[in-house]
Amino acid sequence: MKPLYLLLTIAGSIAPWYWLLQDPSALLSPTLFLQKAFANNIATGLTSDLLISAIAFFYFAWIELKRLGVSRLWIFLYVGLTFGVGLSCALPFFLYRREQNFGRN
């Protein structure tokens, strides 16, 4: 599973930025970014889905880090990856690291 998670991490770090860089003005203005993220019903639905998924991921990661005996400071990396790159990068990277930790136990 680790190679798949690593491949998804790489794809998840490239794909969102490919599309975000198509409109760099929105990246420089948080107000414009939010306007575009909620511009219509489809965008609002996708943005809402992503936010709810991110909250669920953060909660799961917090619990799983404790269960695995891993420092919960890692949560800062996953939050940073989620908001700096995308959930499509942070989640597979978390799963990759989780598989690594299972291999040690």
C-alpha atoms as a PDB file:
ATOM      1  CA  MET A   1       0.000   0.000   0.000  1.00  0.00           C
ATOM      2  CA  LYS A   2       2.898   2.371   0.699  1.00  0.00           C
ATOM      3  CA  PRO A   3       3.852   2.828  -2.980  1.00  0.00           C
ATOM      4  CA  LEU A   4       0.234   3.615  -3.876  1.00  0.00           C
ATOM      5  CA  TYR A   5      -0.064   6.155  -1.043  1.00  0.00           C
ATOM      6  CA  LEU A   6       3.208   7.759  -2.107  1.00  0.00           C
ATOM      7  CA  LEU A   7       2.043   7.972  -5.728  1.00  0.00           C
ATOM      8  CA  LEU A   8      -1.265   9.526  -4.614  1.00  0.00           C
ATOM      9  CA  THR A   9       0.641  12.010  -2.429  1.00  0.00           C
ATOM     10  CA  ILE A  10       2.669  13.112  -5.429  1.00  0.00           C
ATOM     11  CA  ALA A  11      -0.371  13.329  -7.705  1.00  0.00           C
ATOM     12  CA  GLY A  12      -2.290  15.106  -4.947  1.00  0.00           C
ATOM     13  CA  SER A  13       0.441  17.707  -4.649  1.00  0.00           C
ATOM     14  CA  ILE A  14       0.580  18.399  -8.392  1.00  0.00           C
ATOM     15  CA  ALA A  15      -3.058  18.317  -9.528  1.00  0.00           C
ATOM     16  CA  PRO A  16      -4.529  20.996  -7.217  1.00  0.00           C
ATOM     17  CA  TRP A  17      -1.716  23.446  -7.925  1.00  0.00           C
ATOM     18  CA  TYR A  18      -1.994  22.906 -11.667  1.00  0.00           C
ATOM     19  CA  TRP A  19      -5.543  24.239 -11.516  1.00  0.00           C
ATOM     20  CA  LEU A  20      -4.899  26.889  -8.873  1.00  0.00           C
ATOM     21  CA  LEU A  21      -2.080  28.390 -10.902  1.00  0.00           C
ATOM     22  CA  GLN A  22      -4.478  28.912 -13.810  1.00  0.00           C
ATOM     23  CA  ASP A  23      -5.811  31.918 -11.852  1.00  0.00           C
ATOM     24  CA  PRO A  24      -2.918  33.350  -9.817  1.00  0.00           C
ATOM     25  CA  SER A  25      -4.848  36.530  -8.929  1.00  0.00           C
ATOM     26  CA  ALA A  26      -7.192  34.478  -6.748  1.00  0.00           C
ATOM     27  CA  LEU A  27      -4.217  33.035  -4.874  1.00  0.00           C
ATOM     28  CA  LEU A  28      -3.012  36.506  -3.932  1.00  0.00           C
ATOM     29  CA  SER A  29      -6.353  37.651  -2.544  1.00  0.00           C
ATOM     30  CA  PRO A  30      -8.086  35.591   0.168  1.00  0.00           C
ATOM     31  CA  THR A  31     -11.331  37.489  -0.492  1.00  0.00           C
ATOM     32  CA  LEU A  32     -11.261  36.718  -4.210  1.00  0.00           C
ATOM     33  CA  PHE A  33     -10.285  33.097  -3.485  1.00  0.00           C
ATOM     34  CA  LEU A  34     -13.323  32.641  -1.213  1.00  0.00           C
ATOM     35  CA  GLN A  35     -15.598  34.371  -3.718  1.00  0.00           C
ATOM     36  CA  LYS A  36     -14.487  31.934  -6.393  1.00  0.00           C
ATOM     37  CA  ALA A  37     -14.653  28.927  -4.047  1.00  0.00           C
ATOM     38  CA  PHE A  38     -18.326  29.738  -3.373  1.00  0.00           C
ATOM     39  CA  ALA A  39     -19.113  31.246  -6.801  1.00  0.00           C
ATOM     40  CA  ASN A  40     -21.998  28.940  -7.680  1.00  0.00           C
ATOM     41  CA  ASN A  41     -23.873  25.914  -6.389  1.00  0.00           C
ATOM     42  CA  ILE A  42     -21.392  23.411  -7.789  1.00  0.00           C
ATOM     43  CA  ALA A  43     -18.348  25.231  -6.404  1.00  0.00           C
ATOM     44  CA  THR A  44     -20.108  25.675  -3.045  1.00  0.00           C
ATOM     45  CA  GLY A  45     -20.967  21.982  -2.925  1.00  0.00           C
ATOM     46  CA  LEU A  46     -17.402  20.924  -3.703  1.00  0.00           C
ATOM     47  CA  THR A  47     -15.912  23.443  -1.272  1.00  0.00           C
ATOM     48  CA  SER A  48     -18.301  22.366   1.498  1.00  0.00           C
ATOM     49  CA  ASP A  49     -17.503  18.713   0.815  1.00  0.00           C
ATOM     50  CA  LEU A  50     -13.779  19.447   1.001  1.00  0.00           C
ATOM     51  CA  LEU A  51     -14.059  21.411   4.259  1.00  0.00           C
ATOM     52  CA  ILE A  52     -16.136  18.713   5.951  1.00  0.00           C
ATOM     53  CA  SER A  53     -13.734  16.025   4.700  1.00  0.00           C
ATOM     54  CA  ALA A  54     -10.755  18.017   6.005  1.00  0.00           C
ATOM     55  CA  ILE A  55     -12.339  18.355   9.461  1.00  0.00           C
ATOM     56  CA  ALA A  56     -13.043  14.608   9.541  1.00  0.00           C
ATOM     57  CA  PHE A  57      -9.457  13.911   8.441  1.00  0.00           C
ATOM     58  CA  PHE A  58      -7.981  16.151  11.159  1.00  0.00           C
ATOM     59  CA  TYR A  59     -10.083  14.420  13.812  1.00  0.00           C
ATOM     60  CA  PHE A  60      -9.141  10.958  12.503  1.00  0.00           C
ATOM     61  CA  ALA A  61      -5.447  11.885  12.299  1.00  0.00           C
ATOM     62  CA  TRP A  62      -5.490  13.283  15.859  1.00  0.00           C
ATOM     63  CA  ILE A  63      -6.974  10.054  17.241  1.00  0.00           C
ATOM     64  CA  GLU A  64      -4.810   7.795  15.072  1.00  0.00           C
ATOM     65  CA  LEU A  65      -1.578   9.579  16.026  1.00  0.00           C
ATOM     66  CA  LYS A  66      -2.371   8.933  19.687  1.00  0.00           C
ATOM     67  CA  ARG A  67      -3.297   5.303  19.005  1.00  0.00           C
ATOM     68  CA  LEU A  68      -0.027   4.734  17.149  1.00  0.00           C
ATOM     69  CA  GLY A  69       2.010   6.449  19.843  1.00  0.00           C
ATOM     70  CA  VAL A  70       3.232   9.101  17.388  1.00  0.00           C
ATOM     71  CA  SER A  71       3.706  12.710  18.452  1.00  0.00           C
ATOM     72  CA  ARG A  72       0.570  14.698  17.849  1.00  0.00           C
ATOM     73  CA  LEU A  73       2.756  17.554  16.611  1.00  0.00           C
ATOM     74  CA  TRP A  74       2.510  15.817  13.221  1.00  0.00           C
ATOM     75  CA  ILE A  75      -1.024  17.210  13.005  1.00  0.00           C
ATOM     76  CA  PHE A  76       0.502  20.606  12.207  1.00  0.00           C
ATOM     77  CA  LEU A  77       2.150  19.143   9.112  1.00  0.00           C
ATOM     78  CA  TYR A  78      -1.113  17.585   7.946  1.00  0.00           C
ATOM     79  CA  VAL A  79      -3.058  20.811   8.519  1.00  0.00           C
ATOM     80  CA  GLY A  80      -0.356  22.742   6.677  1.00  0.00           C
ATOM     81  CA  LEU A  81      -0.381  20.309   3.770  1.00  0.00           C
ATOM     82  CA  THR A  82      -4.174  20.420   3.607  1.00  0.00           C
ATOM     83  CA  PHE A  83      -4.418  24.195   3.440  1.00  0.00           C
ATOM     84  CA  GLY A  84      -1.128  24.757   1.614  1.00  0.00           C
ATOM     85  CA  VAL A  85      -1.419  22.040  -1.012  1.00  0.00           C
ATOM     86  CA  GLY A  86      -4.672  20.141  -0.623  1.00  0.00           C
ATOM     87  CA  LEU A  87      -6.405  17.304   1.161  1.00  0.00           C
ATOM     88  CA  SER A  88      -5.521  15.175  -1.864  1.00  0.00           C
ATOM     89  CA  CYS A  89      -1.876  15.471  -0.754  1.00  0.00           C
ATOM     90  CA  ALA A  90      -2.268  15.471   3.043  1.00  0.00           C
ATOM     91  CA  LEU A  91      -4.506  12.402   3.345  1.00  0.00           C
ATOM     92  CA  PRO A  92      -2.420   9.996   1.252  1.00  0.00           C
ATOM     93  CA  PHE A  93       0.743  11.296   2.953  1.00  0.00           C
ATOM     94  CA  PHE A  94      -0.835  10.587   6.352  1.00  0.00           C
ATOM     95  CA  LEU A  95      -1.766   7.077   5.189  1.00  0.00           C
ATOM     96  CA  TYR A  96       1.780   6.564   3.872  1.00  0.00           C
ATOM     97  CA  ARG A  97       3.261   7.600   7.231  1.00  0.00           C
ATOM     98  CA  ARG A  98       0.707   5.426   9.025  1.00  0.00           C
ATOM     99  CA  GLU A  99       1.830   2.389   7.014  1.00  0.00           C
ATOM    100  CA  GLN A 100       5.421   3.218   7.939  1.00  0.00           C
ATOM    101  CA  ASN A 101       4.468   3.271  11.619  1.00  0.00           C
ATOM    102  CA  PHE A 102       2.669  -0.070  11.330  1.00  0.00           C
ATOM    103  CA  GLY A 103       5.889  -1.529   9.935  1.00  0.00           C
ATOM    104  CA  ARG A 104       7.789  -0.425  13.059  1.00  0.00           C
ATOM    105  CA  ASN A 105       5.311  -1.846  15.565  1.00  0.00           C
END
